[in-house]
């Protein structure tokens, strides 16, 4: 994974978390559901990074290319 790809992953992850936070505040979603959404976002980002770094077997899981 190149440095540019890592930067893109970081920016996309930050935008997703920011958007989720803004939407949940706008719609008044409660804490239990908010926590579940944050955990799912973090799991997706971690799997995405692990797949891009080659830790997971190469497959169609969230590829940028």
PDB file of N, CA and C in Angstrom:
ATOM      1  N   UNK A   1       0.856  -1.171   0.000  1.00  0.00           N
ATOM      2  CA  UNK A   1       0.000   0.000   0.000  1.00  0.00           C
ATOM      3  C   UNK A   1       0.898   1.227   0.000  1.00  0.00           C
ATOM      4  N   UNK A   2       0.621   2.129  -0.910  1.00  0.00           N
ATOM      5  CA  UNK A   2       1.426   3.337  -0.984  1.00  0.00           C
ATOM      6  C   UNK A   2       0.977   4.341   0.080  1.00  0.00           C
ATOM      7  N   UNK A   3       1.805   5.330   0.276  1.00  0.00           N
ATOM      8  CA  UNK A   3       1.511   6.361   1.253  1.00  0.00           C
ATOM      9  C   UNK A   3       0.267   7.152   0.859  1.00  0.00           C
ATOM     10  N   UNK A   4       0.100   7.363  -0.438  1.00  0.00           N
ATOM     11  CA  UNK A   4      -1.073   8.080  -0.923  1.00  0.00           C
ATOM     12  C   UNK A   4      -2.357   7.293  -0.657  1.00  0.00           C
ATOM     13  N   UNK A   5      -2.320   5.995  -0.862  1.00  0.00           N
ATOM     14  CA  UNK A   5      -3.490   5.158  -0.588  1.00  0.00           C
ATOM     15  C   UNK A   5      -3.844   5.174   0.894  1.00  0.00           C
ATOM     16  N   UNK A   6      -2.818   5.139   1.730  1.00  0.00           N
ATOM     17  CA  UNK A   6      -3.051   5.190   3.169  1.00  0.00           C
ATOM     18  C   UNK A   6      -3.681   6.521   3.573  1.00  0.00           C
ATOM     19  N   UNK A   7      -3.228   7.601   2.960  1.00  0.00           N
ATOM     20  CA  UNK A   7      -3.803   8.911   3.226  1.00  0.00           C
ATOM     21  C   UNK A   7      -5.260   8.981   2.764  1.00  0.00           C
ATOM     22  N   UNK A   8      -5.563   8.394   1.616  1.00  0.00           N
ATOM     23  CA  UNK A   8      -6.941   8.377   1.116  1.00  0.00           C
ATOM     24  C   UNK A   8      -7.836   7.584   2.060  1.00  0.00           C
ATOM     25  N   UNK A   9      -7.353   6.451   2.545  1.00  0.00           N
ATOM     26  CA  UNK A   9      -8.127   5.637   3.487  1.00  0.00           C
ATOM     27  C   UNK A   9      -8.400   6.430   4.756  1.00  0.00           C
ATOM     28  N   UNK A  10      -7.399   7.136   5.249  1.00  0.00           N
ATOM     29  CA  UNK A  10      -7.566   7.932   6.461  1.00  0.00           C
ATOM     30  C   UNK A  10      -8.577   9.054   6.261  1.00  0.00           C
ATOM     31  N   UNK A  11      -8.499   9.735   5.133  1.00  0.00           N
ATOM     32  CA  UNK A  11      -9.440  10.833   4.849  1.00  0.00           C
ATOM     33  C   UNK A  11     -10.856  10.296   4.704  1.00  0.00           C
ATOM     34  N   UNK A  12     -11.027   9.201   3.981  1.00  0.00           N
ATOM     35  CA  UNK A  12     -12.365   8.612   3.799  1.00  0.00           C
ATOM     36  C   UNK A  12     -12.935   8.156   5.136  1.00  0.00           C
ATOM     37  N   UNK A  13     -12.113   7.545   5.977  1.00  0.00           N
ATOM     38  CA  UNK A  13     -12.575   7.095   7.290  1.00  0.00           C
ATOM     39  C   UNK A  13     -13.011   8.280   8.142  1.00  0.00           C
ATOM     40  N   UNK A  14     -12.231   9.348   8.121  1.00  0.00           N
ATOM     41  CA  UNK A  14     -12.596  10.541   8.903  1.00  0.00           C
ATOM     42  C   UNK A  14     -13.892  11.166   8.396  1.00  0.00           C
ATOM     43  N   UNK A  15     -14.060  11.226   7.091  1.00  0.00           N
ATOM     44  CA  UNK A  15     -15.293  11.791   6.530  1.00  0.00           C
ATOM     45  C   UNK A  15     -16.494  10.921   6.886  1.00  0.00           C
ATOM     46  N   UNK A  16     -16.329   9.607   6.832  1.00  0.00           N
ATOM     47  CA  UNK A  16     -17.437   8.712   7.199  1.00  0.00           C
ATOM     48  C   UNK A  16     -17.827   8.876   8.665  1.00  0.00           C
ATOM     49  N   UNK A  17     -16.844   8.959   9.533  1.00  0.00           N
ATOM     50  CA  UNK A  17     -17.147   9.117  10.957  1.00  0.00           C
ATOM     51  C   UNK A  17     -17.780  10.477  11.217  1.00  0.00           C
ATOM     52  N   UNK A  18     -17.272  11.516  10.566  1.00  0.00           N
ATOM     53  CA  UNK A  18     -17.858  12.850  10.719  1.00  0.00           C
ATOM     54  C   UNK A  18     -19.306  12.871  10.219  1.00  0.00           C
ATOM     55  N   UNK A  19     -19.544  12.264   9.046  1.00  0.00           N
ATOM     56  CA  UNK A  19     -20.893  12.245   8.489  1.00  0.00           C
ATOM     57  C   UNK A  19     -21.845  11.451   9.375  1.00  0.00           C
ATOM     58  N   UNK A  20     -21.392  10.327   9.896  1.00  0.00           N
ATOM     59  CA  UNK A  20     -22.234   9.520  10.788  1.00  0.00           C
ATOM     60  C   UNK A  20     -22.573  10.298  12.043  1.00  0.00           C
ATOM     61  N   UNK A  21     -21.582  10.995  12.599  1.00  0.00           N
ATOM     62  CA  UNK A  21     -21.811  11.791  13.803  1.00  0.00           C
ATOM     63  C   UNK A  21     -22.809  12.916  13.535  1.00  0.00           C
ATOM     64  N   UNK A  22     -22.652  13.595  12.406  1.00  0.00           N
ATOM     65  CA  UNK A  22     -23.557  14.696  12.063  1.00  0.00           C
ATOM     66  C   UNK A  22     -24.978  14.205  11.809  1.00  0.00           C
ATOM     67  N   UNK A  23     -25.116  13.093  11.098  1.00  0.00           N
ATOM     68  CA  UNK A  23     -26.451  12.557  10.814  1.00  0.00           C
ATOM     69  C   UNK A  23     -27.136  12.036  12.076  1.00  0.00           C
ATOM     70  N   UNK A  24     -26.376  11.385  12.942  1.00  0.00           N
ATOM     71  CA  UNK A  24     -26.983  10.882  14.175  1.00  0.00           C
ATOM     72  C   UNK A  24     -27.405  12.025  15.087  1.00  0.00           C
ATOM     73  N   UNK A  25     -26.651  13.117  15.091  1.00  0.00           N
ATOM     74  CA  UNK A  25     -27.048  14.281  15.886  1.00  0.00           C
ATOM     75  C   UNK A  25     -28.273  14.956  15.277  1.00  0.00           C
ATOM     76  N   UNK A  26     -28.348  14.997  13.960  1.00  0.00           N
ATOM     77  CA  UNK A  26     -29.476  15.644  13.287  1.00  0.00           C
ATOM     78  C   UNK A  26     -30.779  14.885  13.509  1.00  0.00           C
ATOM     79  N   UNK A  27     -30.701  13.553  13.536  1.00  0.00           N
ATOM     80  CA  UNK A  27     -31.907  12.751  13.699  1.00  0.00           C
ATOM     81  C   UNK A  27     -32.161  12.344  15.135  1.00  0.00           C
ATOM     82  N   UNK A  28     -31.288  12.706  16.053  1.00  0.00           N
ATOM     83  CA  UNK A  28     -31.493  12.424  17.469  1.00  0.00           C
ATOM     84  C   UNK A  28     -31.458  10.950  17.811  1.00  0.00           C
ATOM     85  N   UNK A  29     -30.524  10.230  17.237  1.00  0.00           N
ATOM     86  CA  UNK A  29     -30.388   8.797  17.499  1.00  0.00           C
ATOM     87  C   UNK A  29     -29.757   8.610  18.875  1.00  0.00           C
ATOM     88  N   UNK A  30     -30.292   7.673  19.645  1.00  0.00           N
ATOM     89  CA  UNK A  30     -29.852   7.443  21.014  1.00  0.00           C
ATOM     90  C   UNK A  30     -28.503   6.765  21.127  1.00  0.00           C
ATOM     91  N   UNK A  31     -27.993   6.718  22.350  1.00  0.00           N
ATOM     92  CA  UNK A  31     -26.658   6.191  22.603  1.00  0.00           C
ATOM     93  C   UNK A  31     -26.453   4.721  22.234  1.00  0.00           C
ATOM     94  N   UNK A  32     -27.363   3.806  22.533  1.00  0.00           N
ATOM     95  CA  UNK A  32     -27.063   2.403  22.180  1.00  0.00           C
ATOM     96  C   UNK A  32     -26.896   2.206  20.672  1.00  0.00           C
ATOM     97  N   UNK A  33     -27.754   2.819  19.892  1.00  0.00           N
ATOM     98  CA  UNK A  33     -27.667   2.667  18.439  1.00  0.00           C
ATOM     99  C   UNK A  33     -26.439   3.409  17.916  1.00  0.00           C
ATOM    100  N   UNK A  34     -26.133   4.568  18.488  1.00  0.00           N
ATOM    101  CA  UNK A  34     -24.954   5.336  18.090  1.00  0.00           C
ATOM    102  C   UNK A  34     -23.681   4.523  18.315  1.00  0.00           C
ATOM    103  N   UNK A  35     -23.617   3.832  19.443  1.00  0.00           N
ATOM    104  CA  UNK A  35     -22.446   3.013  19.746  1.00  0.00           C
ATOM    105  C   UNK A  35     -22.300   1.877  18.749  1.00  0.00           C
ATOM    106  N   UNK A  36     -23.388   1.242  18.393  1.00  0.00           N
ATOM    107  CA  UNK A  36     -23.359   0.148  17.419  1.00  0.00           C
ATOM    108  C   UNK A  36     -22.874   0.663  16.066  1.00  0.00           C
ATOM    109  N   UNK A  37     -23.333   1.821  15.663  1.00  0.00           N
ATOM    110  CA  UNK A  37     -22.926   2.387  14.379  1.00  0.00           C
ATOM    111  C   UNK A  37     -21.432   2.717  14.389  1.00  0.00           C
ATOM    112  N   UNK A  38     -20.938   3.299  15.472  1.00  0.00           N
ATOM    113  CA  UNK A  38     -19.507   3.599  15.569  1.00  0.00           C
ATOM    114  C   UNK A  38     -18.665   2.323  15.538  1.00  0.00           C
ATOM    115  N   UNK A  39     -19.109   1.294  16.234  1.00  0.00           N
ATOM    116  CA  UNK A  39     -18.369   0.032  16.240  1.00  0.00           C
ATOM    117  C   UNK A  39     -18.339  -0.576  14.841  1.00  0.00           C
ATOM    118  N   UNK A  40     -19.459  -0.556  14.133  1.00  0.00           N
ATOM    119  CA  UNK A  40     -19.487  -1.076  12.766  1.00  0.00           C
ATOM    120  C   UNK A  40     -18.566  -0.284  11.847  1.00  0.00           C
ATOM    121  N   UNK A  41     -18.560   1.030  11.978  1.00  0.00           N
ATOM    122  CA  UNK A  41     -17.669   1.846  11.153  1.00  0.00           C
ATOM    123  C   UNK A  41     -16.203   1.528  11.434  1.00  0.00           C
ATOM    124  N   UNK A  42     -15.858   1.366  12.691  1.00  0.00           N
ATOM    125  CA  UNK A  42     -14.466   1.065  13.041  1.00  0.00           C
ATOM    126  C   UNK A  42     -14.069  -0.310  12.518  1.00  0.00           C
ATOM    127  N   UNK A  43     -14.949  -1.291  12.637  1.00  0.00           N
ATOM    128  CA  UNK A  43     -14.655  -2.634  12.129  1.00  0.00           C
ATOM    129  C   UNK A  43     -14.453  -2.599  10.616  1.00  0.00           C
ATOM    130  N   UNK A  44     -15.293  -1.871   9.908  1.00  0.00           N
ATOM    131  CA  UNK A  44     -15.156  -1.774   8.450  1.00  0.00           C
ATOM    132  C   UNK A  44     -13.835  -1.107   8.076  1.00  0.00           C
ATOM    133  N   UNK A  45     -13.467  -0.045   8.770  1.00  0.00           N
ATOM    134  CA  UNK A  45     -12.213   0.650   8.464  1.00  0.00           C
ATOM    135  C   UNK A  45     -11.015  -0.241   8.777  1.00  0.00           C
ATOM    136  N   UNK A  46     -11.051  -0.959   9.890  1.00  0.00           N
ATOM    137  CA  UNK A  46      -9.943  -1.849  10.244  1.00  0.00           C
ATOM    138  C   UNK A  46      -9.809  -2.979   9.224  1.00  0.00           C
ATOM    139  N   UNK A  47     -10.915  -3.571   8.804  1.00  0.00           N
ATOM    140  CA  UNK A  47     -10.858  -4.626   7.792  1.00  0.00           C
ATOM    141  C   UNK A  47     -10.376  -4.090   6.456  1.00  0.00           C
ATOM    142  N   UNK A  48     -10.793  -2.879   6.120  1.00  0.00           N
ATOM    143  CA  UNK A  48     -10.369  -2.242   4.886  1.00  0.00           C
ATOM    144  C   UNK A  48      -8.850  -2.021   4.898  1.00  0.00           C
ATOM    145  N   UNK A  49      -8.340  -1.491   5.997  1.00  0.00           N
ATOM    146  CA  UNK A  49      -6.899  -1.262   6.116  1.00  0.00           C
ATOM    147  C   UNK A  49      -6.126  -2.586   6.118  1.00  0.00           C
ATOM    148  N   UNK A  50      -6.620  -3.577   6.827  1.00  0.00           N
ATOM    149  CA  UNK A  50      -5.947  -4.878   6.867  1.00  0.00           C
ATOM    150  C   UNK A  50      -5.923  -5.526   5.492  1.00  0.00           C
ATOM    151  N   UNK A  51      -7.003  -5.386   4.752  1.00  0.00           N
ATOM    152  CA  UNK A  51      -7.053  -5.930   3.405  1.00  0.00           C
ATOM    153  C   UNK A  51      -6.094  -5.191   2.480  1.00  0.00           C
ATOM    154  N   UNK A  52      -6.027  -3.884   2.615  1.00  0.00           N
ATOM    155  CA  UNK A  52      -5.144  -3.089   1.760  1.00  0.00           C
ATOM    156  C   UNK A  52      -3.678  -3.327   2.095  1.00  0.00           C
ATOM    157  N   UNK A  53      -3.356  -3.588   3.356  1.00  0.00           N
ATOM    158  CA  UNK A  53      -1.984  -3.840   3.757  1.00  0.00           C
ATOM    159  C   UNK A  53      -1.544  -5.276   3.484  1.00  0.00           C
ATOM    160  N   UNK A  54      -2.465  -6.141   3.106  1.00  0.00           N
ATOM    161  CA  UNK A  54      -2.122  -7.515   2.780  1.00  0.00           C
ATOM    162  C   UNK A  54      -2.201  -8.467   3.947  1.00  0.00           C
ATOM    163  N   UNK A  55      -2.749  -8.037   5.072  1.00  0.00           N
ATOM    164  CA  UNK A  55      -2.879  -8.914   6.237  1.00  0.00           C
ATOM    165  C   UNK A  55      -3.941  -9.976   5.973  1.00  0.00           C
ATOM    166  N   UNK A  56      -5.038  -9.565   5.370  1.00  0.00           N
ATOM    167  CA  UNK A  56      -6.095 -10.500   5.004  1.00  0.00           C
ATOM    168  C   UNK A  56      -5.806 -11.054   3.613  1.00  0.00           C
ATOM    169  N   UNK A  57      -6.338 -12.223   3.294  1.00  0.00           N
ATOM    170  CA  UNK A  57      -6.155 -12.751   1.947  1.00  0.00           C
ATOM    171  C   UNK A  57      -6.734 -11.786   0.919  1.00  0.00           C
ATOM    172  N   UNK A  58      -6.065 -11.667  -0.195  1.00  0.00           N
ATOM    173  CA  UNK A  58      -6.555 -10.729  -1.213  1.00  0.00           C
ATOM    174  C   UNK A  58      -7.865 -11.253  -1.779  1.00  0.00           C
ATOM    175  N   UNK A  59      -8.815 -10.393  -1.774  1.00  0.00           N
ATOM    176  CA  UNK A  59     -10.138 -10.728  -2.269  1.00  0.00           C
ATOM    177  C   UNK A  59     -10.868  -9.449  -2.609  1.00  0.00           C
ATOM    178  N   UNK A  60     -12.134  -9.561  -2.890  1.00  0.00           N
ATOM    179  CA  UNK A  60     -12.884  -8.366  -3.310  1.00  0.00           C
ATOM    180  C   UNK A  60     -13.334  -7.488  -2.156  1.00  0.00           C
ATOM    181  N   UNK A  61     -12.821  -7.703  -0.950  1.00  0.00           N
ATOM    182  CA  UNK A  61     -13.306  -6.959   0.203  1.00  0.00           C
ATOM    183  C   UNK A  61     -12.805  -5.518   0.194  1.00  0.00           C
ATOM    184  N   UNK A  62     -13.655  -4.580  -0.116  1.00  0.00           N
ATOM    185  CA  UNK A  62     -13.390  -3.151  -0.036  1.00  0.00           C
ATOM    186  C   UNK A  62     -12.079  -2.740  -0.683  1.00  0.00           C
ATOM    187  N   UNK A  63     -11.905  -3.064  -1.943  1.00  0.00           N
ATOM    188  CA  UNK A  63     -10.676  -2.694  -2.646  1.00  0.00           C
ATOM    189  C   UNK A  63     -10.805  -1.294  -3.221  1.00  0.00           C
ATOM    190  N   UNK A  64      -9.753  -0.510  -3.156  1.00  0.00           N
ATOM    191  CA  UNK A  64      -9.745   0.823  -3.748  1.00  0.00           C
ATOM    192  C   UNK A  64      -9.435   0.784  -5.233  1.00  0.00           C
ATOM    193  N   UNK A  65      -8.796  -0.259  -5.692  1.00  0.00           N
ATOM    194  CA  UNK A  65      -8.372  -0.325  -7.090  1.00  0.00           C
ATOM    195  C   UNK A  65      -9.433  -0.875  -7.965  1.00  0.00           C
TER     196      UNK A  65
END
